[in-house]
Full PDB file with SEQRES, HELIX, SHEET, SSBOND, CRYST1, ORIGX, SCALE, CONECT and MASTER records, all heavy atoms in Angstrom:
SEQRES   1 A   39  GLY GLY GLY LEU VAL GLN ALA GLY GLY SER LEU ARG LEU          
SEQRES   2 A   39  SER CYS ALA ALA SER GLY ARG THR PHE SER ARG TYR ALA          
SEQRES   3 A   39  MET GLY TRP PHE ARG GLN ALA PRO GLY LYS GLU ARG GLU          
HELIX    1 AA1 PHE A   22  ARG A   24  5                                   3    
CRYST1    1.000    1.000    1.000  90.00  90.00  90.00 P 1           1          
ORIGX1      1.000000  0.000000  0.000000        0.00000                         
ORIGX2      0.000000  1.000000  0.000000        0.00000                         
ORIGX3      0.000000  0.000000  1.000000        0.00000                         
SCALE1      1.000000  0.000000  0.000000        0.00000                         
SCALE2      0.000000  1.000000  0.000000        0.00000                         
SCALE3      0.000000  0.000000  1.000000        0.00000                         
ATOM      1  N   GLY A   1      81.224 -35.709  25.548  1.00  0.00           N  
ATOM      2  CA  GLY A   1      81.929 -34.788  26.435  1.00  0.00           C  
ATOM      3  C   GLY A   1      82.522 -33.561  25.770  1.00  0.00           C  
ATOM      4  O   GLY A   1      83.120 -32.720  26.453  1.00  0.00           O  
ATOM      5  N   GLY A   2      82.445 -33.487  24.465  1.00  0.00           N  
ATOM      6  CA  GLY A   2      82.995 -32.318  23.802  1.00  0.00           C  
ATOM      7  C   GLY A   2      82.151 -31.070  24.101  1.00  0.00           C  
ATOM      8  O   GLY A   2      81.069 -31.160  24.669  1.00  0.00           O  
ATOM      9  N   GLY A   3      82.681 -29.929  23.704  1.00  0.00           N  
ATOM     10  CA  GLY A   3      81.955 -28.684  23.900  1.00  0.00           C  
ATOM     11  C   GLY A   3      82.850 -27.478  23.719  1.00  0.00           C  
ATOM     12  O   GLY A   3      83.944 -27.579  23.157  1.00  0.00           O  
ATOM     13  N   LEU A   4      82.314 -26.374  24.166  1.00  0.00           N  
ATOM     14  CA  LEU A   4      83.033 -25.066  24.068  1.00  0.00           C  
ATOM     15  C   LEU A   4      83.579 -24.719  25.443  1.00  0.00           C  
ATOM     16  O   LEU A   4      82.838 -24.758  26.434  1.00  0.00           O  
ATOM     17  CB  LEU A   4      82.069 -24.004  23.575  1.00  0.00           C  
ATOM     18  CG  LEU A   4      82.565 -22.565  23.533  1.00  0.00           C  
ATOM     19  CD1 LEU A   4      83.730 -22.423  22.556  1.00  0.00           C  
ATOM     20  CD2 LEU A   4      81.461 -21.605  23.202  1.00  0.00           C  
ATOM     21  N   VAL A   5      84.853 -24.355  25.482  1.00  0.00           N  
ATOM     22  CA  VAL A   5      85.508 -24.012  26.732  1.00  0.00           C  
ATOM     23  C   VAL A   5      86.471 -22.873  26.489  1.00  0.00           C  
ATOM     24  O   VAL A   5      87.009 -22.763  25.386  1.00  0.00           O  
ATOM     25  CB  VAL A   5      86.190 -25.247  27.338  1.00  0.00           C  
ATOM     26  CG1 VAL A   5      87.316 -25.740  26.448  1.00  0.00           C  
ATOM     27  CG2 VAL A   5      86.690 -24.967  28.756  1.00  0.00           C  
ATOM     28  N   GLN A   6      86.696 -22.053  27.483  1.00  0.00           N  
ATOM     29  CA  GLN A   6      87.660 -20.982  27.363  1.00  0.00           C  
ATOM     30  C   GLN A   6      89.074 -21.524  27.524  1.00  0.00           C  
ATOM     31  O   GLN A   6      89.302 -22.535  28.196  1.00  0.00           O  
ATOM     32  CB  GLN A   6      87.405 -19.892  28.402  1.00  0.00           C  
ATOM     33  CG  GLN A   6      86.156 -19.078  28.122  1.00  0.00           C  
ATOM     34  CD  GLN A   6      86.021 -17.895  29.087  1.00  0.00           C  
ATOM     35  OE1 GLN A   6      86.492 -17.950  30.215  1.00  0.00           O  
ATOM     36  NE2 GLN A   6      85.400 -16.823  28.617  1.00  0.00           N  
ATOM     37  N   ALA A   7      90.018 -20.816  26.961  1.00  0.00           N  
ATOM     38  CA  ALA A   7      91.417 -21.195  27.106  1.00  0.00           C  
ATOM     39  C   ALA A   7      91.774 -21.238  28.622  1.00  0.00           C  
ATOM     40  O   ALA A   7      91.348 -20.413  29.401  1.00  0.00           O  
ATOM     41  CB  ALA A   7      92.309 -20.161  26.410  1.00  0.00           C  
ATOM     42  N   GLY A   8      92.522 -22.291  28.945  1.00  0.00           N  
ATOM     43  CA  GLY A   8      92.863 -22.530  30.342  1.00  0.00           C  
ATOM     44  C   GLY A   8      91.898 -23.439  31.068  1.00  0.00           C  
ATOM     45  O   GLY A   8      92.178 -23.905  32.177  1.00  0.00           O  
ATOM     46  N   GLY A   9      90.766 -23.714  30.432  1.00  0.00           N  
ATOM     47  CA  GLY A   9      89.775 -24.562  31.037  1.00  0.00           C  
ATOM     48  C   GLY A   9      90.031 -26.038  30.839  1.00  0.00           C  
ATOM     49  O   GLY A   9      91.057 -26.435  30.292  1.00  0.00           O  
ATOM     50  N   SER A  10      89.044 -26.871  31.262  1.00  0.00           N  
ATOM     51  CA  SER A  10      89.189 -28.311  31.207  1.00  0.00           C  
ATOM     52  C   SER A  10      87.954 -28.942  30.628  1.00  0.00           C  
ATOM     53  O   SER A  10      86.850 -28.388  30.721  1.00  0.00           O  
ATOM     54  CB  SER A  10      89.403 -28.885  32.619  1.00  0.00           C  
ATOM     55  OG  SER A  10      90.594 -28.388  33.179  1.00  0.00           O  
ATOM     56  N   LEU A  11      88.147 -30.092  30.026  1.00  0.00           N  
ATOM     57  CA  LEU A  11      87.069 -30.936  29.547  1.00  0.00           C  
ATOM     58  C   LEU A  11      87.478 -32.383  29.740  1.00  0.00           C  
ATOM     59  O   LEU A  11      88.693 -32.685  29.703  1.00  0.00           O  
ATOM     60  CB  LEU A  11      86.791 -30.709  28.056  1.00  0.00           C  
ATOM     61  CG  LEU A  11      85.923 -29.544  27.614  1.00  0.00           C  
ATOM     62  CD1 LEU A  11      85.873 -29.480  26.094  1.00  0.00           C  
ATOM     63  CD2 LEU A  11      84.536 -29.615  28.184  1.00  0.00           C  
ATOM     64  N   ARG A  12      86.496 -33.248  29.906  1.00  0.00           N  
ATOM     65  CA  ARG A  12      86.764 -34.683  29.931  1.00  0.00           C  
ATOM     66  C   ARG A  12      85.958 -35.355  28.865  1.00  0.00           C  
ATOM     67  O   ARG A  12      84.712 -35.263  28.846  1.00  0.00           O  
ATOM     68  CB  ARG A  12      86.436 -35.292  31.288  1.00  0.00           C  
ATOM     69  CG  ARG A  12      86.655 -36.808  31.338  1.00  0.00           C  
ATOM     70  CD  ARG A  12      86.361 -37.395  32.712  1.00  0.00           C  
ATOM     71  NE  ARG A  12      87.315 -36.963  33.702  1.00  0.00           N  
ATOM     72  CZ  ARG A  12      87.293 -37.363  34.990  1.00  0.00           C  
ATOM     73  NH1 ARG A  12      86.383 -38.209  35.375  1.00  0.00           N  
ATOM     74  NH2 ARG A  12      88.193 -36.942  35.808  1.00  0.00           N  
ATOM     75  N   LEU A  13      86.628 -36.003  27.969  1.00  0.00           N  
ATOM     76  CA  LEU A  13      85.968 -36.765  26.935  1.00  0.00           C  
ATOM     77  C   LEU A  13      85.837 -38.195  27.385  1.00  0.00           C  
ATOM     78  O   LEU A  13      86.683 -38.746  28.084  1.00  0.00           O  
ATOM     79  CB  LEU A  13      86.768 -36.740  25.635  1.00  0.00           C  
ATOM     80  CG  LEU A  13      87.107 -35.335  25.080  1.00  0.00           C  
ATOM     81  CD1 LEU A  13      87.824 -35.495  23.742  1.00  0.00           C  
ATOM     82  CD2 LEU A  13      85.883 -34.500  24.929  1.00  0.00           C  
ATOM     83  N   SER A  14      84.745 -38.842  26.949  1.00  0.00           N  
ATOM     84  CA  SER A  14      84.506 -40.264  27.213  1.00  0.00           C  
ATOM     85  C   SER A  14      84.293 -40.985  25.900  1.00  0.00           C  
ATOM     86  O   SER A  14      83.793 -40.382  24.939  1.00  0.00           O  
ATOM     87  CB  SER A  14      83.283 -40.439  28.104  1.00  0.00           C  
ATOM     88  OG  SER A  14      83.411 -39.773  29.325  1.00  0.00           O  
ATOM     89  N   CYS A  15      84.658 -42.223  25.903  1.00  0.00           N  
ATOM     90  CA  CYS A  15      84.422 -43.081  24.739  1.00  0.00           C  
ATOM     91  C   CYS A  15      83.952 -44.433  25.246  1.00  0.00           C  
ATOM     92  O   CYS A  15      84.707 -45.176  25.875  1.00  0.00           O  
ATOM     93  CB  CYS A  15      85.693 -43.249  23.922  1.00  0.00           C  
ATOM     94  SG  CYS A  15      85.580 -44.430  22.559  1.00  0.00           S  
ATOM     95  N   ALA A  16      82.680 -44.753  24.975  1.00  0.00           N  
ATOM     96  CA  ALA A  16      82.099 -45.984  25.422  1.00  0.00           C  
ATOM     97  C   ALA A  16      82.199 -47.019  24.294  1.00  0.00           C  
ATOM     98  O   ALA A  16      81.848 -46.707  23.136  1.00  0.00           O  
ATOM     99  CB  ALA A  16      80.652 -45.784  25.813  1.00  0.00           C  
ATOM    100  N   ALA A  17      82.620 -48.202  24.621  1.00  0.00           N  
ATOM    101  CA  ALA A  17      82.816 -49.248  23.623  1.00  0.00           C  
ATOM    102  C   ALA A  17      81.912 -50.435  23.833  1.00  0.00           C  
ATOM    103  O   ALA A  17      81.596 -50.767  24.997  1.00  0.00           O  
ATOM    104  CB  ALA A  17      84.280 -49.737  23.672  1.00  0.00           C  
ATOM    105  N   SER A  18      81.461 -50.989  22.764  1.00  0.00           N  
ATOM    106  CA  SER A  18      80.679 -52.215  22.844  1.00  0.00           C  
ATOM    107  C   SER A  18      81.629 -53.404  22.822  1.00  0.00           C  
ATOM    108  O   SER A  18      82.818 -53.253  22.496  1.00  0.00           O  
ATOM    109  CB  SER A  18      79.685 -52.335  21.681  1.00  0.00           C  
ATOM    110  OG  SER A  18      80.409 -52.401  20.459  1.00  0.00           O  
ATOM    111  N   GLY A  19      81.147 -54.597  23.147  1.00  0.00           N  
ATOM    112  CA  GLY A  19      81.988 -55.763  23.027  1.00  0.00           C  
ATOM    113  C   GLY A  19      82.506 -56.245  24.387  1.00  0.00           C  
ATOM    114  O   GLY A  19      82.654 -55.457  25.298  1.00  0.00           O  
ATOM    115  N   ARG A  20      82.839 -57.524  24.414  1.00  0.00           N  
ATOM    116  CA  ARG A  20      83.225 -58.134  25.696  1.00  0.00           C  
ATOM    117  C   ARG A  20      84.737 -58.216  25.848  1.00  0.00           C  
ATOM    118  O   ARG A  20      85.226 -58.646  26.892  1.00  0.00           O  
ATOM    119  CB  ARG A  20      82.648 -59.542  25.762  1.00  0.00           C  
ATOM    120  CG  ARG A  20      81.153 -59.579  25.848  1.00  0.00           C  
ATOM    121  CD  ARG A  20      80.639 -61.020  25.910  1.00  0.00           C  
ATOM    122  NE  ARG A  20      80.879 -61.719  24.666  1.00  0.00           N  
ATOM    123  CZ  ARG A  20      80.569 -62.996  24.498  1.00  0.00           C  
ATOM    124  NH1 ARG A  20      80.076 -63.698  25.458  1.00  0.00           N  
ATOM    125  NH2 ARG A  20      80.816 -63.582  23.328  1.00  0.00           N  
ATOM    126  N   THR A  21      85.511 -57.769  24.839  1.00  0.00           N  
ATOM    127  CA  THR A  21      86.962 -57.902  24.940  1.00  0.00           C  
ATOM    128  C   THR A  21      87.619 -56.539  24.993  1.00  0.00           C  
ATOM    129  O   THR A  21      88.774 -56.394  24.597  1.00  0.00           O  
ATOM    130  CB  THR A  21      87.466 -58.692  23.753  1.00  0.00           C  
ATOM    131  OG1 THR A  21      87.051 -58.069  22.528  1.00  0.00           O  
ATOM    132  CG2 THR A  21      86.974 -60.109  23.780  1.00  0.00           C  
ATOM    133  N   PHE A  22      86.907 -55.542  25.491  1.00  0.00           N  
ATOM    134  CA  PHE A  22      87.420 -54.184  25.557  1.00  0.00           C  
ATOM    135  C   PHE A  22      88.758 -54.117  26.234  1.00  0.00           C  
ATOM    136  O   PHE A  22      89.677 -53.410  25.796  1.00  0.00           O  
ATOM    137  CB  PHE A  22      86.408 -53.294  26.272  1.00  0.00           C  
ATOM    138  CG  PHE A  22      86.921 -51.917  26.536  1.00  0.00           C  
ATOM    139  CD1 PHE A  22      86.943 -50.937  25.549  1.00  0.00           C  
ATOM    140  CD2 PHE A  22      87.362 -51.567  27.807  1.00  0.00           C  
ATOM    141  CE1 PHE A  22      87.398 -49.667  25.791  1.00  0.00           C  
ATOM    142  CE2 PHE A  22      87.823 -50.302  28.105  1.00  0.00           C  
ATOM    143  CZ  PHE A  22      87.847 -49.320  27.088  1.00  0.00           C  
ATOM    144  N   SER A  23      88.922 -54.852  27.333  1.00  0.00           N  
ATOM    145  CA  SER A  23      90.151 -54.717  28.118  1.00  0.00           C  
ATOM    146  C   SER A  23      91.401 -55.150  27.328  1.00  0.00           C  
ATOM    147  O   SER A  23      92.509 -54.741  27.659  1.00  0.00           O  
ATOM    148  CB  SER A  23      90.036 -55.550  29.401  1.00  0.00           C  
ATOM    149  OG  SER A  23      89.877 -56.923  29.110  1.00  0.00           O  
ATOM    150  N   ARG A  24      91.211 -55.935  26.293  1.00  0.00           N  
ATOM    151  CA  ARG A  24      92.364 -56.402  25.493  1.00  0.00           C  
ATOM    152  C   ARG A  24      92.816 -55.366  24.464  1.00  0.00           C  
ATOM    153  O   ARG A  24      93.902 -55.511  23.919  1.00  0.00           O  
ATOM    154  CB  ARG A  24      91.992 -57.669  24.737  1.00  0.00           C  
ATOM    155  CG  ARG A  24      91.612 -58.824  25.642  1.00  0.00           C  
ATOM    156  CD  ARG A  24      91.269 -60.047  24.825  1.00  0.00           C  
ATOM    157  NE  ARG A  24      90.768 -61.152  25.631  1.00  0.00           N  
ATOM    158  CZ  ARG A  24      90.330 -62.299  25.093  1.00  0.00           C  
ATOM    159  NH1 ARG A  24      90.386 -62.489  23.810  1.00  0.00           N  
ATOM    160  NH2 ARG A  24      89.862 -63.238  25.881  1.00  0.00           N  
ATOM    161  N   TYR A  25      91.962 -54.402  24.195  1.00  0.00           N  
ATOM    162  CA  TYR A  25      92.314 -53.440  23.143  1.00  0.00           C  
ATOM    163  C   TYR A  25      93.205 -52.321  23.689  1.00  0.00           C  
ATOM    164  O   TYR A  25      93.030 -51.897  24.829  1.00  0.00           O  
ATOM    165  CB  TYR A  25      91.056 -52.785  22.578  1.00  0.00           C  
ATOM    166  CG  TYR A  25      90.031 -53.689  22.011  1.00  0.00           C  
ATOM    167  CD1 TYR A  25      88.705 -53.343  22.015  1.00  0.00           C  
ATOM    168  CD2 TYR A  25      90.404 -54.913  21.444  1.00  0.00           C  
ATOM    169  CE1 TYR A  25      87.742 -54.164  21.463  1.00  0.00           C  
ATOM    170  CE2 TYR A  25      89.432 -55.772  20.903  1.00  0.00           C  
ATOM    171  CZ  TYR A  25      88.092 -55.385  20.928  1.00  0.00           C  
ATOM    172  OH  TYR A  25      87.175 -56.195  20.391  1.00  0.00           O  
ATOM    173  N   ALA A  26      94.101 -51.846  22.851  1.00  0.00           N  
ATOM    174  CA  ALA A  26      94.692 -50.560  23.111  1.00  0.00           C  
ATOM    175  C   ALA A  26      93.705 -49.523  22.604  1.00  0.00           C  
ATOM    176  O   ALA A  26      93.065 -49.703  21.557  1.00  0.00           O  
ATOM    177  CB  ALA A  26      96.012 -50.401  22.361  1.00  0.00           C  
ATOM    178  N   MET A  27      93.525 -48.434  23.341  1.00  0.00           N  
ATOM    179  CA  MET A  27      92.622 -47.393  22.995  1.00  0.00           C  
ATOM    180  C   MET A  27      93.372 -46.110  22.746  1.00  0.00           C  
ATOM    181  O   MET A  27      94.316 -45.776  23.495  1.00  0.00           O  
ATOM    182  CB  MET A  27      91.590 -47.170  24.072  1.00  0.00           C  
ATOM    183  CG  MET A  27      90.714 -48.402  24.368  1.00  0.00           C  
ATOM    184  SD  MET A  27      89.751 -48.927  22.906  1.00  0.00           S  
ATOM    185  CE  MET A  27      88.689 -47.507  22.687  1.00  0.00           C  
ATOM    186  N   GLY A  28      92.989 -45.436  21.689  1.00  0.00           N  
ATOM    187  CA  GLY A  28      93.679 -44.194  21.373  1.00  0.00           C  
ATOM    188  C   GLY A  28      92.720 -43.016  21.183  1.00  0.00           C  
ATOM    189  O   GLY A  28      91.529 -43.249  20.915  1.00  0.00           O  
ATOM    190  N   TRP A  29      93.235 -41.835  21.345  1.00  0.00           N  
ATOM    191  CA  TRP A  29      92.509 -40.628  21.034  1.00  0.00           C  
ATOM    192  C   TRP A  29      93.315 -39.880  19.926  1.00  0.00           C  
ATOM    193  O   TRP A  29      94.532 -39.771  20.007  1.00  0.00           O  
ATOM    194  CB  TRP A  29      92.379 -39.688  22.246  1.00  0.00           C  
ATOM    195  CG  TRP A  29      91.356 -40.141  23.210  1.00  0.00           C  
ATOM    196  CD1 TRP A  29      91.580 -40.828  24.362  1.00  0.00           C  
ATOM    197  CD2 TRP A  29      89.963 -39.889  23.155  1.00  0.00           C  
ATOM    198  NE1 TRP A  29      90.386 -41.048  25.018  1.00  0.00           N  
ATOM    199  CE2 TRP A  29      89.385 -40.474  24.311  1.00  0.00           C  
ATOM    200  CE3 TRP A  29      89.109 -39.227  22.252  1.00  0.00           C  
ATOM    201  CZ2 TRP A  29      88.000 -40.433  24.572  1.00  0.00           C  
ATOM    202  CZ3 TRP A  29      87.754 -39.196  22.502  1.00  0.00           C  
ATOM    203  CH2 TRP A  29      87.207 -39.800  23.671  1.00  0.00           C  
ATOM    204  N   PHE A  30      92.572 -39.425  18.933  1.00  0.00           N  
ATOM    205  CA  PHE A  30      93.126 -38.641  17.853  1.00  0.00           C  
ATOM    206  C   PHE A  30      92.274 -37.396  17.665  1.00  0.00           C  
ATOM    207  O   PHE A  30      91.163 -37.327  18.207  1.00  0.00           O  
ATOM    208  CB  PHE A  30      93.094 -39.456  16.529  1.00  0.00           C  
ATOM    209  CG  PHE A  30      94.010 -40.648  16.513  1.00  0.00           C  
ATOM    210  CD1 PHE A  30      93.681 -41.818  17.175  1.00  0.00           C  
ATOM    211  CD2 PHE A  30      95.209 -40.604  15.821  1.00  0.00           C  
ATOM    212  CE1 PHE A  30      94.526 -42.909  17.176  1.00  0.00           C  
ATOM    213  CE2 PHE A  30      96.059 -41.695  15.799  1.00  0.00           C  
ATOM    214  CZ  PHE A  30      95.704 -42.833  16.496  1.00  0.00           C  
ATOM    215  N   ARG A  31      92.798 -36.447  16.953  1.00  0.00           N  
ATOM    216  CA  ARG A  31      92.038 -35.227  16.687  1.00  0.00           C  
ATOM    217  C   ARG A  31      92.352 -34.706  15.283  1.00  0.00           C  
ATOM    218  O   ARG A  31      93.405 -34.977  14.713  1.00  0.00           O  
ATOM    219  CB  ARG A  31      92.334 -34.146  17.714  1.00  0.00           C  
ATOM    220  CG  ARG A  31      93.759 -33.620  17.707  1.00  0.00           C  
ATOM    221  CD  ARG A  31      93.977 -32.694  18.881  1.00  0.00           C  
ATOM    222  NE  ARG A  31      95.335 -32.123  18.861  1.00  0.00           N  
ATOM    223  CZ  ARG A  31      95.796 -31.378  19.836  1.00  0.00           C  
ATOM    224  NH1 ARG A  31      95.088 -31.117  20.941  1.00  0.00           N  
ATOM    225  NH2 ARG A  31      97.038 -30.862  19.768  1.00  0.00           N  
ATOM    226  N   GLN A  32      91.377 -33.980  14.778  1.00  0.00           N  
ATOM    227  CA  GLN A  32      91.549 -33.396  13.457  1.00  0.00           C  
ATOM    228  C   GLN A  32      90.964 -31.975  13.458  1.00  0.00           C  
ATOM    229  O   GLN A  32      89.748 -31.803  13.685  1.00  0.00           O  
ATOM    230  CB  GLN A  32      90.886 -34.251  12.345  1.00  0.00           C  
ATOM    231  CG  GLN A  32      91.176 -33.726  10.969  1.00  0.00           C  
ATOM    232  CD  GLN A  32      90.840 -34.745   9.890  1.00  0.00           C  
ATOM    233  OE1 GLN A  32      90.018 -35.665  10.104  1.00  0.00           O  
ATOM    234  NE2 GLN A  32      91.422 -34.619   8.731  1.00  0.00           N  
ATOM    235  N   ALA A  33      91.814 -31.028  13.209  1.00  0.00           N  
ATOM    236  CA  ALA A  33      91.383 -29.631  13.126  1.00  0.00           C  
ATOM    237  C   ALA A  33      91.033 -29.330  11.689  1.00  0.00           C  
ATOM    238  O   ALA A  33      91.511 -29.965  10.735  1.00  0.00           O  
ATOM    239  CB  ALA A  33      92.493 -28.719  13.645  1.00  0.00           C  
ATOM    240  N   PRO A  34      90.211 -28.295  11.458  1.00  0.00           N  
ATOM    241  CA  PRO A  34      89.844 -27.914  10.098  1.00  0.00           C  
ATOM    242  C   PRO A  34      91.046 -27.650   9.207  1.00  0.00           C  
ATOM    243  O   PRO A  34      91.966 -26.909   9.621  1.00  0.00           O  
ATOM    244  CB  PRO A  34      89.000 -26.658  10.262  1.00  0.00           C  
ATOM    245  CG  PRO A  34      88.452 -26.781  11.668  1.00  0.00           C  
ATOM    246  CD  PRO A  34      89.537 -27.455  12.435  1.00  0.00           C  
ATOM    247  N   GLY A  35      91.110 -28.272   8.067  1.00  0.00           N  
ATOM    248  CA  GLY A  35      92.199 -28.040   7.124  1.00  0.00           C  
ATOM    249  C   GLY A  35      93.493 -28.747   7.505  1.00  0.00           C  
ATOM    250  O   GLY A  35      94.502 -28.546   6.803  1.00  0.00           O  
ATOM    251  N   LYS A  36      93.462 -29.578   8.531  1.00  0.00           N  
ATOM    252  CA  LYS A  36      94.688 -30.260   8.952  1.00  0.00           C  
ATOM    253  C   LYS A  36      94.475 -31.756   8.929  1.00  0.00           C  
ATOM    254  O   LYS A  36      93.340 -32.253   8.943  1.00  0.00           O  
ATOM    255  CB  LYS A  36      95.080 -29.782  10.349  1.00  0.00           C  
ATOM    256  CG  LYS A  36      95.500 -28.346  10.437  1.00  0.00           C  
ATOM    257  CD  LYS A  36      96.050 -28.009  11.801  1.00  0.00           C  
ATOM    258  CE  LYS A  36      96.537 -26.568  11.869  1.00  0.00           C  
ATOM    259  NZ  LYS A  36      97.106 -26.226  13.222  1.00  0.00           N  
ATOM    260  N   GLU A  37      95.596 -32.452   8.959  1.00  0.00           N  
ATOM    261  CA  GLU A  37      95.497 -33.913   8.998  1.00  0.00           C  
ATOM    262  C   GLU A  37      95.168 -34.350  10.415  1.00  0.00           C  
ATOM    263  O   GLU A  37      95.438 -33.693  11.395  1.00  0.00           O  
ATOM    264  CB  GLU A  37      96.822 -34.520   8.521  1.00  0.00           C  
ATOM    265  CG  GLU A  37      97.132 -34.265   7.048  1.00  0.00           C  
ATOM    266  CD  GLU A  37      98.357 -35.025   6.621  1.00  0.00           C  
ATOM    267  OE1 GLU A  37      99.053 -35.620   7.448  1.00  0.00           O  
ATOM    268  OE2 GLU A  37      98.617 -35.013   5.389  1.00  0.00           O  
ATOM    269  N   ARG A  38      94.610 -35.557  10.453  1.00  0.00           N  
ATOM    270  CA  ARG A  38      94.383 -36.178  11.759  1.00  0.00           C  
ATOM    271  C   ARG A  38      95.679 -36.407  12.497  1.00  0.00           C  
ATOM    272  O   ARG A  38      96.677 -36.820  11.869  1.00  0.00           O  
ATOM    273  CB  ARG A  38      93.644 -37.505  11.551  1.00  0.00           C  
ATOM    274  CG  ARG A  38      93.264 -38.229  12.814  1.00  0.00           C  
ATOM    275  CD  ARG A  38      92.576 -39.535  12.508  1.00  0.00           C  
ATOM    276  NE  ARG A  38      93.476 -40.417  11.740  1.00  0.00           N  
ATOM    277  CZ  ARG A  38      93.033 -41.474  11.072  1.00  0.00           C  
ATOM    278  NH1 ARG A  38      91.750 -41.773  11.053  1.00  0.00           N  
ATOM    279  NH2 ARG A  38      93.888 -42.260  10.432  1.00  0.00           N  
ATOM    280  N   GLU A  39      95.705 -36.139  13.793  1.00  0.00           N  
ATOM    281  CA  GLU A  39      96.915 -36.345  14.538  1.00  0.00           C  
ATOM    282  C   GLU A  39      96.651 -37.150  15.814  1.00  0.00           C  
ATOM    283  O   GLU A  39      95.552 -37.072  16.426  1.00  0.00           O  
ATOM    284  CB  GLU A  39      97.603 -35.012  14.897  1.00  0.00           C  
ATOM    285  CG  GLU A  39      96.802 -34.112  15.819  1.00  0.00           C  
ATOM    286  CD  GLU A  39      97.598 -32.891  16.262  1.00  0.00           C  
ATOM    287  OE1 GLU A  39      98.801 -32.780  15.964  1.00  0.00           O  
ATOM    288  OE2 GLU A  39      96.979 -32.049  16.977  1.00  0.00           O  
TER     289      GLU A  39                                                      
MASTER        0    0    0    1    0    0    0    6  288    1    0    3          
END                                                                             
């Protein structure tokens, strides 16, 4: 779902998981910009 978008626009990211116990997991999103730490 990533891509190029103009400021003010929208995107929806998806993350598909394998495994039968997905519902038990906490899921998180992180990001890392060039030259910066993951946040």
